[in-house]
Amino acid sequence: MIGSKFDKFILAIKRDNLFSDEDNFQGFCSSDESDFVSKILKNYEWLRRGDIENNPEIKHPISYCVIVNPDTKRIFSYIRSNRDENYSEKRLYGKLSVGVGGHIEKEDCSGNNPIESAMLRELKEEVTINGKINPKIFGYINDDHQYNDDTNEGKISVGRVHFGLLYLIETDAEEVFPNDSEIAEGKFRTMEELEKLQLESGITTETWSKISLVVLENYFGNSNKNN
């Protein structure tokens, strides 16, 4: 594997240390049900990314930030770049996404919580939010399925080596602007607009975003009840 990103040391955790028989799950798990953040902070290691990129026995926790405006009930969404020079993770090439974030790097360990430090860094690097933000851990995403398209290309499916820390970034901003060339096009959309977009020819939604959108339906529904 070529590229300096594979020489970086990232926060990782052995699958056996992340999951027990009681809290192993597929899909979404609410932060009210389990505290995986504490478990990760107690058991993580700094490992060279290139050594673990295709090892399903080791999970890379990823801060996955979903930016929402609760008042307008819109979600920031974008199409990932499909240009080789812009996007390094080919398994997510050109897909529709509602999450921004990435790996937790050793440089993020200056504070007491490298997970939170990485989440704030990635958010600042990838987008500009013209308003106040209220970040909070909302839950966790895990998808250990091996998909046929990846198998046919001799790849390990991306979810098998990653574990999502779903952060809800509530904001009063009317606009969010992409900073990163990996984001080909991004803007706030309603749930209805996203449903229509996903029906368009050539649009494929990444798995973590599909999982997040189901959770967001409940979130907006509860917001309506509270107003």
C-alpha atoms as a PDB file:
ATOM      1  CA  MET A   1       0.000   0.000   0.000  1.00  0.00           C
ATOM      2  CA  ILE A   2       1.353   3.359  -1.051  1.00  0.00           C
ATOM      3  CA  GLY A   3       0.826   6.646   0.732  1.00  0.00           C
ATOM      4  CA  SER A   4       1.772   8.228   4.020  1.00  0.00           C
ATOM      5  CA  LYS A   5      -1.713   7.674   5.496  1.00  0.00           C
ATOM      6  CA  PHE A   6      -0.874   3.981   5.930  1.00  0.00           C
ATOM      7  CA  ASP A   7       2.172   4.869   8.031  1.00  0.00           C
ATOM      8  CA  LYS A   8       0.095   6.860  10.510  1.00  0.00           C
ATOM      9  CA  PHE A   9      -0.652   5.370  13.900  1.00  0.00           C
ATOM     10  CA  ILE A  10      -4.377   5.252  14.567  1.00  0.00           C
ATOM     11  CA  LEU A  11      -6.497   4.336  17.546  1.00  0.00           C
ATOM     12  CA  ALA A  12      -7.601   0.705  17.248  1.00  0.00           C
ATOM     13  CA  ILE A  13      -9.123  -1.963  19.446  1.00  0.00           C
ATOM     14  CA  LYS A  14      -9.196  -5.742  19.233  1.00  0.00           C
ATOM     15  CA  ARG A  15     -12.646  -7.052  18.387  1.00  0.00           C
ATOM     16  CA  ASP A  16     -12.621  -9.286  21.478  1.00  0.00           C
ATOM     17  CA  ASN A  17     -12.001  -6.250  23.684  1.00  0.00           C
ATOM     18  CA  LEU A  18     -14.737  -4.227  22.023  1.00  0.00           C
ATOM     19  CA  PHE A  19     -17.550  -6.767  22.034  1.00  0.00           C
ATOM     20  CA  SER A  20     -18.771  -9.209  24.629  1.00  0.00           C
ATOM     21  CA  ASP A  21     -21.549 -11.762  24.124  1.00  0.00           C
ATOM     22  CA  GLU A  22     -23.965  -9.333  25.780  1.00  0.00           C
ATOM     23  CA  ASP A  23     -23.270  -6.207  23.753  1.00  0.00           C
ATOM     24  CA  ASN A  24     -22.313  -7.505  20.301  1.00  0.00           C
ATOM     25  CA  PHE A  25     -24.692  -5.937  17.767  1.00  0.00           C
ATOM     26  CA  GLN A  26     -25.266  -5.248  14.093  1.00  0.00           C
ATOM     27  CA  GLY A  27     -26.664  -1.932  12.903  1.00  0.00           C
ATOM     28  CA  PHE A  28     -27.275   0.780  15.494  1.00  0.00           C
ATOM     29  CA  CYS A  29     -26.919   0.778  19.273  1.00  0.00           C
ATOM     30  CA  SER A  30     -27.993   3.802  21.301  1.00  0.00           C
ATOM     31  CA  SER A  31     -25.556   5.426  23.725  1.00  0.00           C
ATOM     32  CA  ASP A  32     -28.322   5.005  26.332  1.00  0.00           C
ATOM     33  CA  GLU A  33     -27.951   1.231  26.017  1.00  0.00           C
ATOM     34  CA  SER A  34     -24.167   0.818  26.008  1.00  0.00           C
ATOM     35  CA  ASP A  35     -21.086   2.905  26.731  1.00  0.00           C
ATOM     36  CA  PHE A  36     -18.644   1.831  24.044  1.00  0.00           C
ATOM     37  CA  VAL A  37     -16.692   5.090  24.386  1.00  0.00           C
ATOM     38  CA  SER A  38     -15.531   4.115  27.889  1.00  0.00           C
ATOM     39  CA  LYS A  39     -14.727   0.598  26.726  1.00  0.00           C
ATOM     40  CA  ILE A  40     -12.616   1.903  23.841  1.00  0.00           C
ATOM     41  CA  LEU A  41     -10.758   4.400  26.053  1.00  0.00           C
ATOM     42  CA  LYS A  42      -9.832   1.575  28.445  1.00  0.00           C
ATOM     43  CA  ASN A  43      -8.671  -0.903  25.791  1.00  0.00           C
ATOM     44  CA  TYR A  44      -7.326   0.945  22.761  1.00  0.00           C
ATOM     45  CA  GLU A  45      -3.893   0.679  21.136  1.00  0.00           C
ATOM     46  CA  TRP A  46      -2.007   2.886  18.694  1.00  0.00           C
ATOM     47  CA  LEU A  47      -1.318   0.741  15.627  1.00  0.00           C
ATOM     48  CA  ARG A  48       0.096   1.467  12.199  1.00  0.00           C
ATOM     49  CA  ARG A  49      -2.843   1.789   9.823  1.00  0.00           C
ATOM     50  CA  GLY A  50      -1.223  -0.156   6.994  1.00  0.00           C
ATOM     51  CA  ASP A  51      -0.749  -3.187   9.260  1.00  0.00           C
ATOM     52  CA  ILE A  52      -4.432  -3.452  10.219  1.00  0.00           C
ATOM     53  CA  GLU A  53      -6.281  -2.061   7.183  1.00  0.00           C
ATOM     54  CA  ASN A  54      -7.648  -5.476   6.157  1.00  0.00           C
ATOM     55  CA  ASN A  55      -7.743  -7.298   9.497  1.00  0.00           C
ATOM     56  CA  PRO A  56     -11.361  -7.824  10.683  1.00  0.00           C
ATOM     57  CA  GLU A  57     -10.099  -8.916  14.120  1.00  0.00           C
ATOM     58  CA  ILE A  58      -9.141  -5.298  14.822  1.00  0.00           C
ATOM     59  CA  LYS A  59     -11.627  -2.436  14.669  1.00  0.00           C
ATOM     60  CA  HIS A  60     -10.806   1.192  13.860  1.00  0.00           C
ATOM     61  CA  PRO A  61     -13.211   3.479  15.781  1.00  0.00           C
ATOM     62  CA  ILE A  62     -14.397   6.309  13.506  1.00  0.00           C
ATOM     63  CA  SER A  63     -16.039   9.550  14.598  1.00  0.00           C
ATOM     64  CA  TYR A  64     -19.086   9.768  12.311  1.00  0.00           C
ATOM     65  CA  CYS A  65     -20.656  13.216  12.663  1.00  0.00           C
ATOM     66  CA  VAL A  66     -24.170  13.836  11.392  1.00  0.00           C
ATOM     67  CA  ILE A  67     -24.936  17.566  11.212  1.00  0.00           C
ATOM     68  CA  VAL A  68     -28.586  18.493  11.729  1.00  0.00           C
ATOM     69  CA  ASN A  69     -30.599  21.668  12.128  1.00  0.00           C
ATOM     70  CA  PRO A  70     -33.422  20.649  14.508  1.00  0.00           C
ATOM     71  CA  ASP A  71     -35.498  23.743  13.679  1.00  0.00           C
ATOM     72  CA  THR A  72     -35.533  23.318   9.897  1.00  0.00           C
ATOM     73  CA  LYS A  73     -35.309  19.508  10.203  1.00  0.00           C
ATOM     74  CA  ARG A  74     -32.543  19.315   7.628  1.00  0.00           C
ATOM     75  CA  ILE A  75     -29.492  17.068   7.471  1.00  0.00           C
ATOM     76  CA  PHE A  76     -26.166  17.912   5.887  1.00  0.00           C
ATOM     77  CA  SER A  77     -25.539  15.352   3.151  1.00  0.00           C
ATOM     78  CA  TYR A  78     -23.042  15.048   0.334  1.00  0.00           C
ATOM     79  CA  ILE A  79     -21.756  12.941  -2.516  1.00  0.00           C
ATOM     80  CA  ARG A  80     -18.268  11.555  -1.912  1.00  0.00           C
ATOM     81  CA  SER A  81     -15.712  12.280  -4.611  1.00  0.00           C
ATOM     82  CA  ASN A  82     -15.014   9.555  -7.172  1.00  0.00           C
ATOM     83  CA  ARG A  83     -11.759  11.128  -8.315  1.00  0.00           C
ATOM     84  CA  ASP A  84      -8.665   9.113  -7.419  1.00  0.00           C
ATOM     85  CA  GLU A  85      -6.660  12.192  -6.475  1.00  0.00           C
ATOM     86  CA  ASN A  86      -9.359  13.394  -4.058  1.00  0.00           C
ATOM     87  CA  TYR A  87     -10.611  10.292  -2.309  1.00  0.00           C
ATOM     88  CA  SER A  88      -8.406   7.666  -0.786  1.00  0.00           C
ATOM     89  CA  GLU A  89     -10.980   5.177   0.557  1.00  0.00           C
ATOM     90  CA  LYS A  90     -12.130   3.450  -2.637  1.00  0.00           C
ATOM     91  CA  ARG A  91     -14.694   1.326  -0.778  1.00  0.00           C
ATOM     92  CA  LEU A  92     -16.779   4.512  -0.255  1.00  0.00           C
ATOM     93  CA  TYR A  93     -16.047   5.922  -3.712  1.00  0.00           C
ATOM     94  CA  GLY A  94     -18.763   8.273  -5.054  1.00  0.00           C
ATOM     95  CA  LYS A  95     -21.438   7.334  -2.500  1.00  0.00           C
ATOM     96  CA  LEU A  96     -24.101   9.479  -0.832  1.00  0.00           C
ATOM     97  CA  SER A  97     -23.258  10.169   2.813  1.00  0.00           C
ATOM     98  CA  VAL A  98     -24.683  12.024   5.804  1.00  0.00           C
ATOM     99  CA  GLY A  99     -21.610  11.599   8.019  1.00  0.00           C
ATOM    100  CA  VAL A 100     -18.298  13.418   8.204  1.00  0.00           C
ATOM    101  CA  GLY A 101     -15.326  12.201  10.206  1.00  0.00           C
ATOM    102  CA  GLY A 102     -12.464   9.791  10.112  1.00  0.00           C
ATOM    103  CA  HIS A 103      -9.804   7.823  11.941  1.00  0.00           C
ATOM    104  CA  ILE A 104      -8.525   8.845  15.356  1.00  0.00           C
ATOM    105  CA  GLU A 105      -4.836   9.599  14.933  1.00  0.00           C
ATOM    106  CA  LYS A 106      -2.096   9.625  17.540  1.00  0.00           C
ATOM    107  CA  GLU A 107      -1.812  13.403  17.127  1.00  0.00           C
ATOM    108  CA  ASP A 108      -5.305  13.598  18.654  1.00  0.00           C
ATOM    109  CA  CYS A 109      -4.156  12.307  22.045  1.00  0.00           C
ATOM    110  CA  SER A 110      -3.115  15.681  23.487  1.00  0.00           C
ATOM    111  CA  GLY A 111      -6.200  15.803  25.737  1.00  0.00           C
ATOM    112  CA  ASN A 112      -7.839  13.283  28.047  1.00  0.00           C
ATOM    113  CA  ASN A 113     -10.207  12.024  25.357  1.00  0.00           C
ATOM    114  CA  PRO A 114      -8.616  11.398  21.909  1.00  0.00           C
ATOM    115  CA  ILE A 115     -12.026  10.336  20.537  1.00  0.00           C
ATOM    116  CA  GLU A 116     -13.567  13.730  21.241  1.00  0.00           C
ATOM    117  CA  SER A 117     -10.439  15.581  20.074  1.00  0.00           C
ATOM    118  CA  ALA A 118     -10.489  13.681  16.761  1.00  0.00           C
ATOM    119  CA  MET A 119     -14.207  14.333  16.289  1.00  0.00           C
ATOM    120  CA  LEU A 120     -13.750  18.109  16.680  1.00  0.00           C
ATOM    121  CA  ARG A 121     -10.651  18.121  14.449  1.00  0.00           C
ATOM    122  CA  GLU A 122     -12.343  16.177  11.647  1.00  0.00           C
ATOM    123  CA  LEU A 123     -15.421  18.377  11.835  1.00  0.00           C
ATOM    124  CA  LYS A 124     -13.314  21.541  11.505  1.00  0.00           C
ATOM    125  CA  GLU A 125     -11.206  20.089   8.692  1.00  0.00           C
ATOM    126  CA  GLU A 126     -14.053  18.796   6.569  1.00  0.00           C
ATOM    127  CA  VAL A 127     -16.738  21.490   6.847  1.00  0.00           C
ATOM    128  CA  THR A 128     -17.421  25.090   7.838  1.00  0.00           C
ATOM    129  CA  ILE A 129     -20.564  25.471   9.928  1.00  0.00           C
ATOM    130  CA  ASN A 130     -21.874  29.056  10.023  1.00  0.00           C
ATOM    131  CA  GLY A 131     -23.538  28.835  13.410  1.00  0.00           C
ATOM    132  CA  LYS A 132     -23.401  27.385  16.901  1.00  0.00           C
ATOM    133  CA  ILE A 133     -22.886  23.646  17.374  1.00  0.00           C
ATOM    134  CA  ASN A 134     -23.888  21.209  20.082  1.00  0.00           C
ATOM    135  CA  PRO A 135     -22.016  17.896  19.602  1.00  0.00           C
ATOM    136  CA  LYS A 136     -23.136  14.814  21.510  1.00  0.00           C
ATOM    137  CA  ILE A 137     -22.554  11.106  21.244  1.00  0.00           C
ATOM    138  CA  PHE A 138     -25.796   9.602  19.968  1.00  0.00           C
ATOM    139  CA  GLY A 139     -24.907   5.960  19.531  1.00  0.00           C
ATOM    140  CA  TYR A 140     -22.786   3.436  17.675  1.00  0.00           C
ATOM    141  CA  ILE A 141     -22.777   1.802  14.251  1.00  0.00           C
ATOM    142  CA  ASN A 142     -21.456  -1.656  13.434  1.00  0.00           C
ATOM    143  CA  ASP A 143     -21.773  -3.492  10.131  1.00  0.00           C
ATOM    144  CA  ASP A 144     -19.772  -6.718   9.867  1.00  0.00           C
ATOM    145  CA  HIS A 145     -21.342  -7.933   6.625  1.00  0.00           C
ATOM    146  CA  GLN A 146     -19.117  -8.884   3.735  1.00  0.00           C
ATOM    147  CA  TYR A 147     -20.701  -7.488   0.577  1.00  0.00           C
ATOM    148  CA  ASN A 148     -20.588  -9.251  -2.780  1.00  0.00           C
ATOM    149  CA  ASP A 149     -19.138  -6.279  -4.685  1.00  0.00           C
ATOM    150  CA  ASP A 150     -16.178  -6.177  -2.286  1.00  0.00           C
ATOM    151  CA  THR A 151     -15.752  -9.959  -2.350  1.00  0.00           C
ATOM    152  CA  ASN A 152     -15.690  -9.935  -6.145  1.00  0.00           C
ATOM    153  CA  GLU A 153     -12.887  -7.350  -6.016  1.00  0.00           C
ATOM    154  CA  GLY A 154     -10.990  -9.283  -3.335  1.00  0.00           C
ATOM    155  CA  LYS A 155     -11.614  -6.625  -0.679  1.00  0.00           C
ATOM    156  CA  ILE A 156     -12.652  -6.727   2.955  1.00  0.00           C
ATOM    157  CA  SER A 157     -15.881  -4.690   3.250  1.00  0.00           C
ATOM    158  CA  VAL A 158     -15.242  -1.364   4.953  1.00  0.00           C
ATOM    159  CA  GLY A 159     -17.613  -1.948   7.890  1.00  0.00           C
ATOM    160  CA  ARG A 160     -15.808  -5.106   8.981  1.00  0.00           C
ATOM    161  CA  VAL A 161     -12.727  -3.149  10.050  1.00  0.00           C
ATOM    162  CA  HIS A 162     -14.423   0.028  11.320  1.00  0.00           C
ATOM    163  CA  PHE A 163     -16.700   0.907  14.244  1.00  0.00           C
ATOM    164  CA  GLY A 164     -18.815   4.051  14.082  1.00  0.00           C
ATOM    165  CA  LEU A 165     -19.124   6.525  16.931  1.00  0.00           C
ATOM    166  CA  LEU A 166     -22.262   8.364  15.812  1.00  0.00           C
ATOM    167  CA  TYR A 167     -22.112  11.993  16.916  1.00  0.00           C
ATOM    168  CA  LEU A 168     -25.136  14.223  16.445  1.00  0.00           C
ATOM    169  CA  ILE A 169     -23.996  17.781  15.714  1.00  0.00           C
ATOM    170  CA  GLU A 170     -27.000  20.001  16.344  1.00  0.00           C
ATOM    171  CA  THR A 171     -26.657  23.483  14.868  1.00  0.00           C
ATOM    172  CA  ASP A 172     -28.661  26.635  14.187  1.00  0.00           C
ATOM    173  CA  ALA A 173     -26.700  27.168  10.945  1.00  0.00           C
ATOM    174  CA  GLU A 174     -28.634  27.552   7.706  1.00  0.00           C
ATOM    175  CA  GLU A 175     -25.652  26.472   5.605  1.00  0.00           C
ATOM    176  CA  VAL A 176     -22.677  24.134   5.876  1.00  0.00           C
ATOM    177  CA  PHE A 177     -19.794  24.447   3.422  1.00  0.00           C
ATOM    178  CA  PRO A 178     -17.425  21.587   2.502  1.00  0.00           C
ATOM    179  CA  ASN A 179     -13.712  22.224   3.080  1.00  0.00           C
ATOM    180  CA  ASP A 180     -12.457  18.863   1.868  1.00  0.00           C
ATOM    181  CA  SER A 181     -11.920  17.789  -1.754  1.00  0.00           C
ATOM    182  CA  GLU A 182     -13.303  14.365  -0.774  1.00  0.00           C
ATOM    183  CA  ILE A 183     -16.735  16.023  -0.653  1.00  0.00           C
ATOM    184  CA  ALA A 184     -17.855  16.530  -4.248  1.00  0.00           C
ATOM    185  CA  GLU A 185     -21.163  18.226  -3.407  1.00  0.00           C
ATOM    186  CA  GLY A 186     -22.849  18.928  -0.085  1.00  0.00           C
ATOM    187  CA  LYS A 187     -25.805  20.829   1.384  1.00  0.00           C
ATOM    188  CA  PHE A 188     -28.665  20.613   3.878  1.00  0.00           C
ATOM    189  CA  ARG A 189     -31.550  18.404   2.776  1.00  0.00           C
ATOM    190  CA  THR A 190     -34.831  17.278   4.304  1.00  0.00           C
ATOM    191  CA  MET A 191     -35.576  13.592   4.826  1.00  0.00           C
ATOM    192  CA  GLU A 192     -37.972  13.757   1.877  1.00  0.00           C
ATOM    193  CA  GLU A 193     -35.304  15.236  -0.386  1.00  0.00           C
ATOM    194  CA  LEU A 194     -32.856  12.529   0.642  1.00  0.00           C
ATOM    195  CA  GLU A 195     -35.420   9.807  -0.076  1.00  0.00           C
ATOM    196  CA  LYS A 196     -35.922  11.188  -3.595  1.00  0.00           C
ATOM    197  CA  LEU A 197     -32.173  11.539  -4.162  1.00  0.00           C
ATOM    198  CA  GLN A 198     -31.589   7.896  -3.246  1.00  0.00           C
ATOM    199  CA  LEU A 199     -34.036   6.823  -5.956  1.00  0.00           C
ATOM    200  CA  GLU A 200     -32.030   8.550  -8.685  1.00  0.00           C
ATOM    201  CA  SER A 201     -30.056   6.409 -11.104  1.00  0.00           C
ATOM    202  CA  GLY A 202     -26.419   6.068 -10.166  1.00  0.00           C
ATOM    203  CA  ILE A 203     -26.878   7.139  -6.523  1.00  0.00           C
ATOM    204  CA  THR A 204     -25.691   4.604  -3.942  1.00  0.00           C
ATOM    205  CA  THR A 205     -25.960   5.384  -0.246  1.00  0.00           C
ATOM    206  CA  GLU A 206     -23.181   4.174   2.034  1.00  0.00           C
ATOM    207  CA  THR A 207     -24.318   1.638   4.617  1.00  0.00           C
ATOM    208  CA  TRP A 208     -23.573   3.750   7.697  1.00  0.00           C
ATOM    209  CA  SER A 209     -25.679   6.566   6.246  1.00  0.00           C
ATOM    210  CA  LYS A 210     -28.601   4.198   5.645  1.00  0.00           C
ATOM    211  CA  ILE A 211     -28.406   3.159   9.298  1.00  0.00           C
ATOM    212  CA  SER A 212     -28.121   6.778  10.472  1.00  0.00           C
ATOM    213  CA  LEU A 213     -31.129   7.914   8.433  1.00  0.00           C
ATOM    214  CA  VAL A 214     -33.397   5.387  10.169  1.00  0.00           C
ATOM    215  CA  VAL A 215     -32.226   6.737  13.530  1.00  0.00           C
ATOM    216  CA  LEU A 216     -32.759  10.332  12.373  1.00  0.00           C
ATOM    217  CA  GLU A 217     -36.375   9.617  11.470  1.00  0.00           C
ATOM    218  CA  ASN A 218     -36.972   8.759  15.127  1.00  0.00           C
ATOM    219  CA  TYR A 219     -34.929  11.778  16.257  1.00  0.00           C
ATOM    220  CA  PHE A 220     -36.989  14.226  14.200  1.00  0.00           C
ATOM    221  CA  GLY A 221     -40.177  12.486  15.266  1.00  0.00           C
ATOM    222  CA  ASN A 222     -39.281  12.959  18.917  1.00  0.00           C
ATOM    223  CA  SER A 223     -38.337  16.587  18.199  1.00  0.00           C
ATOM    224  CA  ASN A 224     -41.855  17.163  16.866  1.00  0.00           C
ATOM    225  CA  LYS A 225     -43.358  15.737  20.053  1.00  0.00           C
ATOM    226  CA  ASN A 226     -41.202  17.968  22.234  1.00  0.00           C
ATOM    227  CA  ASN A 227     -42.184  21.172  20.390  1.00  0.00           C
END
